[in-house]
Amino acid sequence: VANCCKKTMKVITSHIGLCGMVVVYAIAGGFMFQHLERANEKSDCTKAENKYRFLENATKFNLWQIAFYSRSEADMKYAMDEFQLQLTKFRDDVLTIDYGGKNCSFMGQPGGPAYEWSYPGALLFSVTVITTIGYGNIAPKTMWGRIVCIAYATLGIPLMLLCLANIGDVMADIFRFIYIRICCCGCCRQRKPRNRSSHKEHRSPEIWKVEYEANQGLMSQKNEVITDDDESDDEDDSDDKISVPLTITIGVIASYILFGVMLFGIWENWDALEASYFCFITISTIGFGDIVPGSATFENEGDQYKMLGAALYMLFGMAILSMCFSLIQEEIVAKFKYVAERI
C-alpha cells in the first residue's frame, strides 16, 4: 500500500500529473458552476421580464391618461413635459432591473435565447478564476455559487501557479535546448576539438602508469569512455552557460499574441488593435473584461464555443508566458554576472 501511495503521489506531482490535475479541475469547475447557476439564471430572467412587463404597462397607462386629459392646446405643454417625465422614469427603471429583452420562457430551447451559464461559458469562468484573470462578464449570483467559488479559487489558484511554475521551467529547458542545437550548433562544434585536445594533454602521470601496466586493449576502451564522458560534461556545461537572448524571447511572446490576433480577428471580427489588446490583457492576467469573446451574442451557440477556444488560448498563453519569464530572468542574471565580472 505504501509503495502504491508513493507511486501515485509521484505521478500526481510530476509535470504531466500537474497539467492533468489543472485540466480536470477546470472541467469539473465548468460542470459545477453550470449546475449551480443555470437554474437561477432563468429564474432571474423571468423575474426581470415580469418587472419589465409591469413597468411597460404602467407607463402605457400613464401616457394614455395624460393624453386623455390633455385635449386642449393650453394643456399641450403640460402634456409634453409629463410625457418626457414618464419616458425618463421608464428608461431609468428598465436600466435598474437589467433586462435585456429576452423571451425567458424559451431560454435554452431551439430558436430561443441561450444561457450565459452554458458549459463553455462556465468553463471559461472556471479558467478565469484559477488563472486570476477574472473578466467579470458573468459571475455567480446564488449563495452556494459564491461559496463554492471562494473554495474553488482557494484550491485552484495555488494549483495553477504550481503548474505554471513547473511547466515554465520545463518549457524553458526545452526551448533552450532547441535554441542551442539550432542557433548555436556551429559554436558548439568549434569547441569540441579543443576540449578533446585539452583532455589528452592534461592527463596525469598516474593514468599513464596504469595504462602501461594493464592490458593495452582494455585500458584504451576505458580511456575512450573517460574522454566521451568528459566531452558530454563539457557540452552540458556549455549548454548551461548559454542563455536565450531577450529578442528571441520577446519574439516568442509577440508571435503568440499575433496568433491570437489572427484567431480572434476571424472569430470575433475584431480589428488588429482590439484583438492584440485582448490577447495581451488575457495572457498577462490583467483581465479588464471590457472585451470578451462571445459576449456580444450569447444566443449563438458557436460564440459560446469560441469562449472554449479562448479558455485554451489562456492556458497555453500563460504557460508560454511563464516559460518566457524564466528565460528572461536567466538572461538578465547572466548579463548582471557579466557586468560584475568586467568591473
Protein backbone atom coordinates (compact mmCIF):
# COMPACT_ATOMS: atom_id res chain seq x y z
CA VAL A 1 0.00 0.00 0.00
CA ALA A 2 2.85 2.37 0.88
CA ASN A 3 4.56 1.75 -2.46
CA CYS A 4 1.28 2.30 -4.28
CA CYS A 5 0.75 5.62 -2.47
CA LYS A 6 4.31 6.69 -3.28
CA LYS A 7 3.86 5.89 -6.97
CA THR A 8 0.52 7.72 -7.03
CA MET A 9 2.00 10.82 -5.40
CA LYS A 10 4.96 10.69 -7.77
CA VAL A 11 2.63 10.65 -10.79
CA ILE A 12 0.43 13.43 -9.37
CA THR A 13 3.35 15.72 -8.59
CA SER A 14 5.01 15.16 -11.97
CA HIS A 15 4.70 17.71 -14.77
CA ILE A 16 2.11 15.65 -16.64
CA GLY A 17 0.24 14.97 -13.41
CA LEU A 18 0.02 18.67 -12.52
CA CYS A 19 -1.20 19.58 -16.02
CA GLY A 20 -3.77 16.80 -15.87
CA MET A 21 -4.98 17.98 -12.47
CA VAL A 22 -5.43 21.55 -13.74
CA VAL A 23 -7.38 20.35 -16.80
CA VAL A 24 -9.61 18.05 -14.74
CA TYR A 25 -10.11 20.78 -12.13
CA ALA A 26 -11.18 23.30 -14.78
CA ILE A 27 -13.53 20.80 -16.48
CA ALA A 28 -15.10 19.84 -13.14
CA GLY A 29 -15.49 23.52 -12.26
CA GLY A 30 -17.36 24.14 -15.51
CA PHE A 31 -19.91 21.41 -14.74
CA MET A 32 -20.21 22.55 -11.12
CA PHE A 33 -20.86 26.23 -11.83
CA GLN A 34 -23.22 25.41 -14.68
CA HIS A 35 -25.27 23.22 -12.32
CA LEU A 36 -25.32 25.85 -9.56
CA GLU A 37 -26.11 28.93 -11.66
CA ARG A 38 -28.11 27.82 -14.68
CA ALA A 39 -31.50 27.43 -12.97
CA ASN A 40 -31.03 30.73 -11.14
CA GLU A 41 -30.24 32.47 -14.43
CA LYS A 42 -33.62 31.51 -15.88
CA SER A 43 -35.39 32.47 -12.66
CA ASP A 44 -33.71 35.90 -12.60
CA CYS A 45 -34.52 36.41 -16.27
CA THR A 46 -38.20 35.60 -15.66
CA LYS A 47 -38.37 37.99 -12.70
CA ALA A 48 -36.74 40.76 -14.73
CA GLU A 49 -39.10 40.12 -17.64
CA ASN A 50 -42.16 40.31 -15.36
CA LYS A 51 -40.91 43.59 -13.87
CA TYR A 52 -40.36 44.95 -17.36
CA ARG A 53 -43.87 43.99 -18.47
CA PHE A 54 -45.32 45.67 -15.37
CA LEU A 55 -43.32 48.86 -15.96
CA GLU A 56 -44.25 48.85 -19.64
CA ASN A 57 -47.98 48.50 -18.94
CA ALA A 58 -47.87 51.12 -16.16
CA THR A 59 -46.08 53.59 -18.43
CA LYS A 60 -48.55 52.98 -21.25
CA PHE A 61 -51.46 53.60 -18.89
CA ASN A 62 -49.92 56.81 -17.54
CA LEU A 63 -49.25 58.12 -21.05
CA TRP A 64 -52.80 57.28 -22.09
CA GLN A 65 -54.19 59.15 -19.07
CA ILE A 66 -52.05 62.22 -19.81
CA ALA A 67 -53.18 62.22 -23.43
CA PHE A 68 -56.84 61.70 -22.46
CA TYR A 69 -56.96 64.63 -20.06
CA SER A 70 -54.89 66.99 -22.23
CA ARG A 71 -57.11 67.63 -25.20
CA SER A 72 -56.90 71.40 -25.35
CA GLU A 73 -53.98 73.32 -26.78
CA ALA A 74 -53.47 75.04 -23.43
CA ASP A 75 -52.61 71.67 -21.86
CA MET A 76 -50.20 70.71 -24.65
CA LYS A 77 -47.06 71.99 -22.91
CA TYR A 78 -48.05 70.23 -19.68
CA ALA A 79 -48.68 67.01 -21.60
CA MET A 80 -45.30 67.12 -23.34
CA ASP A 81 -43.50 67.68 -20.04
CA GLU A 82 -45.37 64.76 -18.44
CA PHE A 83 -44.60 62.52 -21.43
CA GLN A 84 -40.92 63.33 -21.02
CA LEU A 85 -41.01 62.59 -17.29
CA GLN A 86 -42.78 59.26 -17.78
CA LEU A 87 -40.41 58.11 -20.51
CA THR A 88 -37.36 59.13 -18.48
CA LYS A 89 -38.69 57.24 -15.44
CA PHE A 90 -39.39 54.19 -17.61
CA ARG A 91 -35.85 54.27 -19.02
CA ASP A 92 -34.26 54.52 -15.56
CA ASP A 93 -36.41 51.70 -14.16
CA VAL A 94 -35.56 49.41 -17.08
CA LEU A 95 -31.85 50.04 -16.60
CA THR A 96 -32.25 49.24 -12.90
CA ILE A 97 -33.83 45.82 -13.46
CA ASP A 98 -31.17 44.96 -16.09
CA TYR A 99 -33.50 43.28 -18.58
CA GLY A 100 -32.05 42.51 -22.00
CA GLY A 101 -35.31 41.91 -23.86
CA LYS A 102 -35.05 38.11 -23.83
CA ASN A 103 -38.05 35.81 -24.08
CA CYS A 104 -37.15 33.91 -20.93
CA SER A 105 -39.81 31.20 -21.31
CA PHE A 106 -37.93 29.87 -24.37
CA MET A 107 -34.45 30.13 -22.83
CA GLY A 108 -32.24 27.20 -23.82
CA GLN A 109 -34.70 25.97 -26.47
CA PRO A 110 -34.11 25.99 -30.24
CA GLY A 111 -34.70 29.50 -31.53
CA GLY A 112 -34.75 30.93 -28.02
CA PRO A 113 -32.07 32.83 -26.10
CA ALA A 114 -29.07 30.83 -24.93
CA TYR A 115 -27.91 30.53 -21.35
CA GLU A 116 -24.95 32.63 -20.30
CA TRP A 117 -24.12 29.76 -17.96
CA SER A 118 -23.78 27.25 -20.77
CA TYR A 119 -20.96 24.76 -20.33
CA PRO A 120 -18.47 26.74 -22.48
CA GLY A 121 -19.34 29.89 -20.54
CA ALA A 122 -19.00 28.09 -17.19
CA LEU A 123 -15.69 26.55 -18.27
CA LEU A 124 -14.36 29.96 -19.31
CA PHE A 125 -15.44 31.31 -15.92
CA SER A 126 -13.60 28.46 -14.14
CA VAL A 127 -10.42 29.15 -16.09
CA THR A 128 -10.60 32.89 -15.39
CA VAL A 129 -10.97 32.12 -11.67
CA ILE A 130 -7.97 29.81 -11.28
CA THR A 131 -5.79 31.96 -13.55
CA THR A 132 -6.82 35.12 -11.62
CA ILE A 133 -7.86 36.83 -14.88
CA GLY A 134 -11.46 37.39 -13.78
CA TYR A 135 -13.21 39.04 -16.76
CA GLY A 136 -16.35 39.74 -14.75
CA ASN A 137 -18.73 39.34 -17.70
CA ILE A 138 -20.53 36.61 -15.74
CA ALA A 139 -20.35 35.93 -12.02
CA PRO A 140 -22.16 33.63 -9.57
CA LYS A 141 -25.29 35.16 -8.02
CA THR A 142 -26.56 32.32 -5.83
CA MET A 143 -25.39 31.85 -2.25
CA TRP A 144 -23.95 28.40 -2.92
CA GLY A 145 -22.41 29.55 -6.18
CA ARG A 146 -20.46 32.25 -4.37
CA ILE A 147 -19.43 29.94 -1.51
CA VAL A 148 -18.23 27.30 -3.97
CA CYS A 149 -16.42 29.99 -5.98
CA ILE A 150 -14.44 31.02 -2.88
CA ALA A 151 -13.46 27.41 -2.13
CA TYR A 152 -12.75 26.70 -5.81
CA ALA A 153 -10.42 29.69 -6.11
CA THR A 154 -8.70 28.91 -2.79
CA LEU A 155 -7.68 25.47 -4.05
CA GLY A 156 -7.38 26.21 -7.75
CA ILE A 157 -5.15 29.30 -7.74
CA PRO A 158 -2.22 27.64 -5.87
CA LEU A 159 -2.60 24.56 -8.07
CA MET A 160 -2.49 26.71 -11.21
CA LEU A 161 0.53 28.69 -10.02
CA LEU A 162 2.39 25.49 -9.13
CA CYS A 163 1.59 24.02 -12.54
CA LEU A 164 2.72 27.18 -14.34
CA ALA A 165 5.98 27.28 -12.38
CA ASN A 166 6.81 23.68 -13.25
CA ILE A 167 5.66 23.86 -16.85
CA GLY A 168 7.50 27.14 -17.34
CA ASP A 169 10.80 25.62 -16.20
CA VAL A 170 10.35 22.52 -18.38
CA MET A 171 9.36 24.52 -21.44
CA ALA A 172 12.28 26.88 -20.82
CA ASP A 173 14.70 23.92 -20.76
CA ILE A 174 13.20 22.51 -23.95
CA PHE A 175 13.29 25.88 -25.71
CA ARG A 176 16.88 26.48 -24.59
CA PHE A 177 17.89 23.02 -25.86
CA ILE A 178 16.28 23.71 -29.25
CA TYR A 179 17.89 27.15 -29.43
CA ILE A 180 21.34 25.72 -28.65
CA ARG A 181 21.02 22.88 -31.15
CA ILE A 182 19.69 25.07 -33.96
CA CYS A 183 21.24 28.51 -33.42
CA CYS A 184 24.43 27.64 -31.56
CA CYS A 185 25.39 24.31 -33.15
CA GLY A 186 28.27 25.92 -35.04
CA CYS A 187 29.75 27.39 -31.88
CA CYS A 188 29.42 24.10 -30.03
CA ARG A 189 31.13 22.17 -32.82
CA GLN A 190 34.09 24.52 -32.72
CA ARG A 191 34.52 23.94 -29.01
CA LYS A 192 34.58 20.15 -29.17
CA PRO A 193 38.06 19.63 -30.75
CA ARG A 194 39.67 21.94 -28.20
CA ASN A 195 38.02 20.00 -25.41
CA ARG A 196 39.44 16.73 -26.72
CA SER A 197 42.96 18.06 -27.00
CA SER A 198 42.82 19.51 -23.53
CA HIS A 199 41.73 16.17 -22.13
CA LYS A 200 44.62 14.38 -23.75
CA GLU A 201 47.19 16.98 -22.76
CA HIS A 202 46.24 17.27 -19.09
CA ARG A 203 46.10 13.59 -18.21
CA SER A 204 48.01 12.85 -15.02
CA PRO A 205 51.14 10.60 -14.81
CA GLU A 206 49.23 8.08 -12.68
CA ILE A 207 46.88 7.38 -15.59
CA TRP A 208 49.87 6.75 -17.92
CA LYS A 209 51.36 4.37 -15.38
CA VAL A 210 48.15 2.34 -15.09
CA GLU A 211 47.87 2.12 -18.86
CA TYR A 212 51.42 0.82 -19.13
CA GLU A 213 50.95 -1.89 -16.51
CA ALA A 214 47.46 -3.07 -17.52
CA ASN A 215 46.19 -4.65 -20.66
CA GLN A 216 46.55 -2.19 -23.52
CA GLY A 217 43.25 -3.02 -25.25
CA LEU A 218 41.09 -2.87 -22.13
CA MET A 219 42.57 0.42 -20.93
CA SER A 220 42.18 2.02 -24.35
CA GLN A 221 38.45 1.32 -24.13
CA LYS A 222 38.37 2.92 -20.68
CA ASN A 223 40.21 5.96 -21.99
CA GLU A 224 37.60 6.37 -24.74
CA VAL A 225 34.79 6.18 -22.18
CA ILE A 226 36.52 8.74 -19.94
CA THR A 227 37.09 11.07 -22.88
CA ASP A 228 33.48 10.74 -24.09
CA ASP A 229 32.13 11.38 -20.60
CA ASP A 230 34.30 14.48 -20.26
CA GLU A 231 33.10 15.73 -23.63
CA SER A 232 29.45 15.25 -22.66
CA ASP A 233 30.08 17.02 -19.36
CA ASP A 234 31.62 19.94 -21.21
CA GLU A 235 28.65 20.01 -23.57
CA ASP A 236 26.27 20.15 -20.60
CA ASP A 237 28.34 22.91 -19.03
CA SER A 238 28.27 24.90 -22.26
CA ASP A 239 24.50 24.36 -22.53
CA ASP A 240 24.03 25.69 -19.01
CA LYS A 241 26.15 28.77 -19.73
CA ILE A 242 24.24 29.72 -22.88
CA SER A 243 21.11 31.81 -22.30
CA VAL A 244 18.43 32.69 -24.82
CA PRO A 245 18.61 36.35 -25.96
CA LEU A 246 15.85 38.73 -24.93
CA THR A 247 14.98 39.48 -28.55
CA ILE A 248 14.11 35.84 -29.23
CA THR A 249 12.11 35.51 -26.01
CA ILE A 250 10.12 38.67 -26.71
CA GLY A 251 9.67 37.44 -30.28
CA VAL A 252 8.01 34.27 -28.95
CA ILE A 253 5.55 36.34 -26.89
CA ALA A 254 4.84 38.62 -29.86
CA SER A 255 4.30 35.59 -32.13
CA TYR A 256 1.76 34.08 -29.73
CA ILE A 257 -0.08 37.40 -29.48
CA LEU A 258 -0.03 37.66 -33.30
CA PHE A 259 -1.53 34.16 -33.48
CA GLY A 260 -4.30 35.31 -31.13
CA VAL A 261 -4.84 38.44 -33.24
CA MET A 262 -5.47 36.33 -36.34
CA LEU A 263 -7.61 33.81 -34.43
CA PHE A 264 -9.91 36.28 -32.70
CA GLY A 265 -9.91 38.56 -35.72
CA ILE A 266 -11.57 35.73 -37.67
CA TRP A 267 -13.85 34.61 -34.84
CA GLU A 268 -15.00 37.97 -33.49
CA ASN A 269 -14.37 40.35 -36.42
CA TRP A 270 -12.11 42.42 -34.19
CA ASP A 271 -9.58 44.75 -35.72
CA ALA A 272 -5.87 44.24 -35.04
CA LEU A 273 -5.77 46.72 -32.14
CA GLU A 274 -8.77 45.20 -30.33
CA ALA A 275 -7.51 41.64 -30.79
CA SER A 276 -3.94 42.40 -29.70
CA TYR A 277 -5.27 44.38 -26.72
CA PHE A 278 -7.45 41.43 -25.67
CA CYS A 279 -4.65 38.88 -26.11
CA PHE A 280 -2.16 40.87 -24.05
CA ILE A 281 -4.69 41.69 -21.31
CA THR A 282 -5.62 38.00 -21.17
CA ILE A 283 -2.26 36.22 -21.02
CA SER A 284 -0.88 38.85 -18.64
CA THR A 285 -3.85 38.02 -16.32
CA ILE A 286 -4.95 41.67 -16.11
CA GLY A 287 -8.41 40.80 -17.45
CA PHE A 288 -10.35 44.07 -17.57
CA GLY A 289 -13.38 42.33 -19.08
CA ASP A 290 -14.27 45.17 -21.45
CA ILE A 291 -13.61 42.88 -24.43
CA VAL A 292 -14.64 39.23 -24.05
CA PRO A 293 -15.08 36.61 -26.82
CA GLY A 294 -18.70 35.63 -27.46
CA SER A 295 -20.09 38.23 -25.05
CA ALA A 296 -21.92 40.18 -27.73
CA THR A 297 -24.25 37.37 -28.84
CA PHE A 298 -24.90 34.64 -26.30
CA GLU A 299 -27.82 33.46 -28.46
CA ASN A 300 -25.36 31.98 -30.96
CA GLU A 301 -24.07 28.59 -29.82
CA GLY A 302 -20.98 28.99 -31.98
CA ASP A 303 -19.97 32.06 -29.99
CA GLN A 304 -20.11 30.02 -26.81
CA TYR A 305 -17.63 27.51 -28.20
CA LYS A 306 -15.39 30.39 -29.14
CA MET A 307 -15.21 31.01 -25.40
CA LEU A 308 -13.96 27.43 -25.03
CA GLY A 309 -11.22 28.22 -27.54
CA ALA A 310 -10.44 31.37 -25.58
CA ALA A 311 -10.02 29.27 -22.42
CA LEU A 312 -7.49 27.03 -24.17
CA TYR A 313 -5.71 30.11 -25.53
CA MET A 314 -5.43 31.45 -21.98
CA LEU A 315 -3.94 28.25 -20.56
CA PHE A 316 -1.36 27.82 -23.32
CA GLY A 317 -0.60 31.53 -23.29
CA MET A 318 0.10 31.61 -19.58
CA ALA A 319 2.37 28.56 -19.91
CA ILE A 320 4.30 30.25 -22.73
CA LEU A 321 4.48 33.49 -20.75
CA SER A 322 5.82 31.57 -17.73
CA MET A 323 8.47 29.98 -19.96
CA CYS A 324 9.46 33.35 -21.39
CA PHE A 325 9.68 34.94 -17.95
CA SER A 326 12.01 32.13 -16.85
CA LEU A 327 14.22 32.68 -19.91
CA ILE A 328 14.20 36.46 -19.43
CA GLN A 329 15.20 36.03 -15.79
CA GLU A 330 18.13 33.80 -16.77
CA GLU A 331 19.27 36.27 -19.43
CA ILE A 332 19.12 39.23 -17.04
CA VAL A 333 21.04 37.32 -14.35
CA ALA A 334 23.67 36.34 -16.94
CA LYS A 335 24.03 39.97 -18.06
CA PHE A 336 24.48 41.18 -14.49
CA LYS A 337 27.10 38.49 -13.83
CA TYR A 338 28.95 39.50 -16.98
CA VAL A 339 28.92 43.17 -15.96
CA ALA A 340 30.04 42.29 -12.42
CA GLU A 341 32.99 40.27 -13.75
CA ARG A 342 34.06 43.14 -16.00
CA ILE A 343 34.01 45.74 -13.23
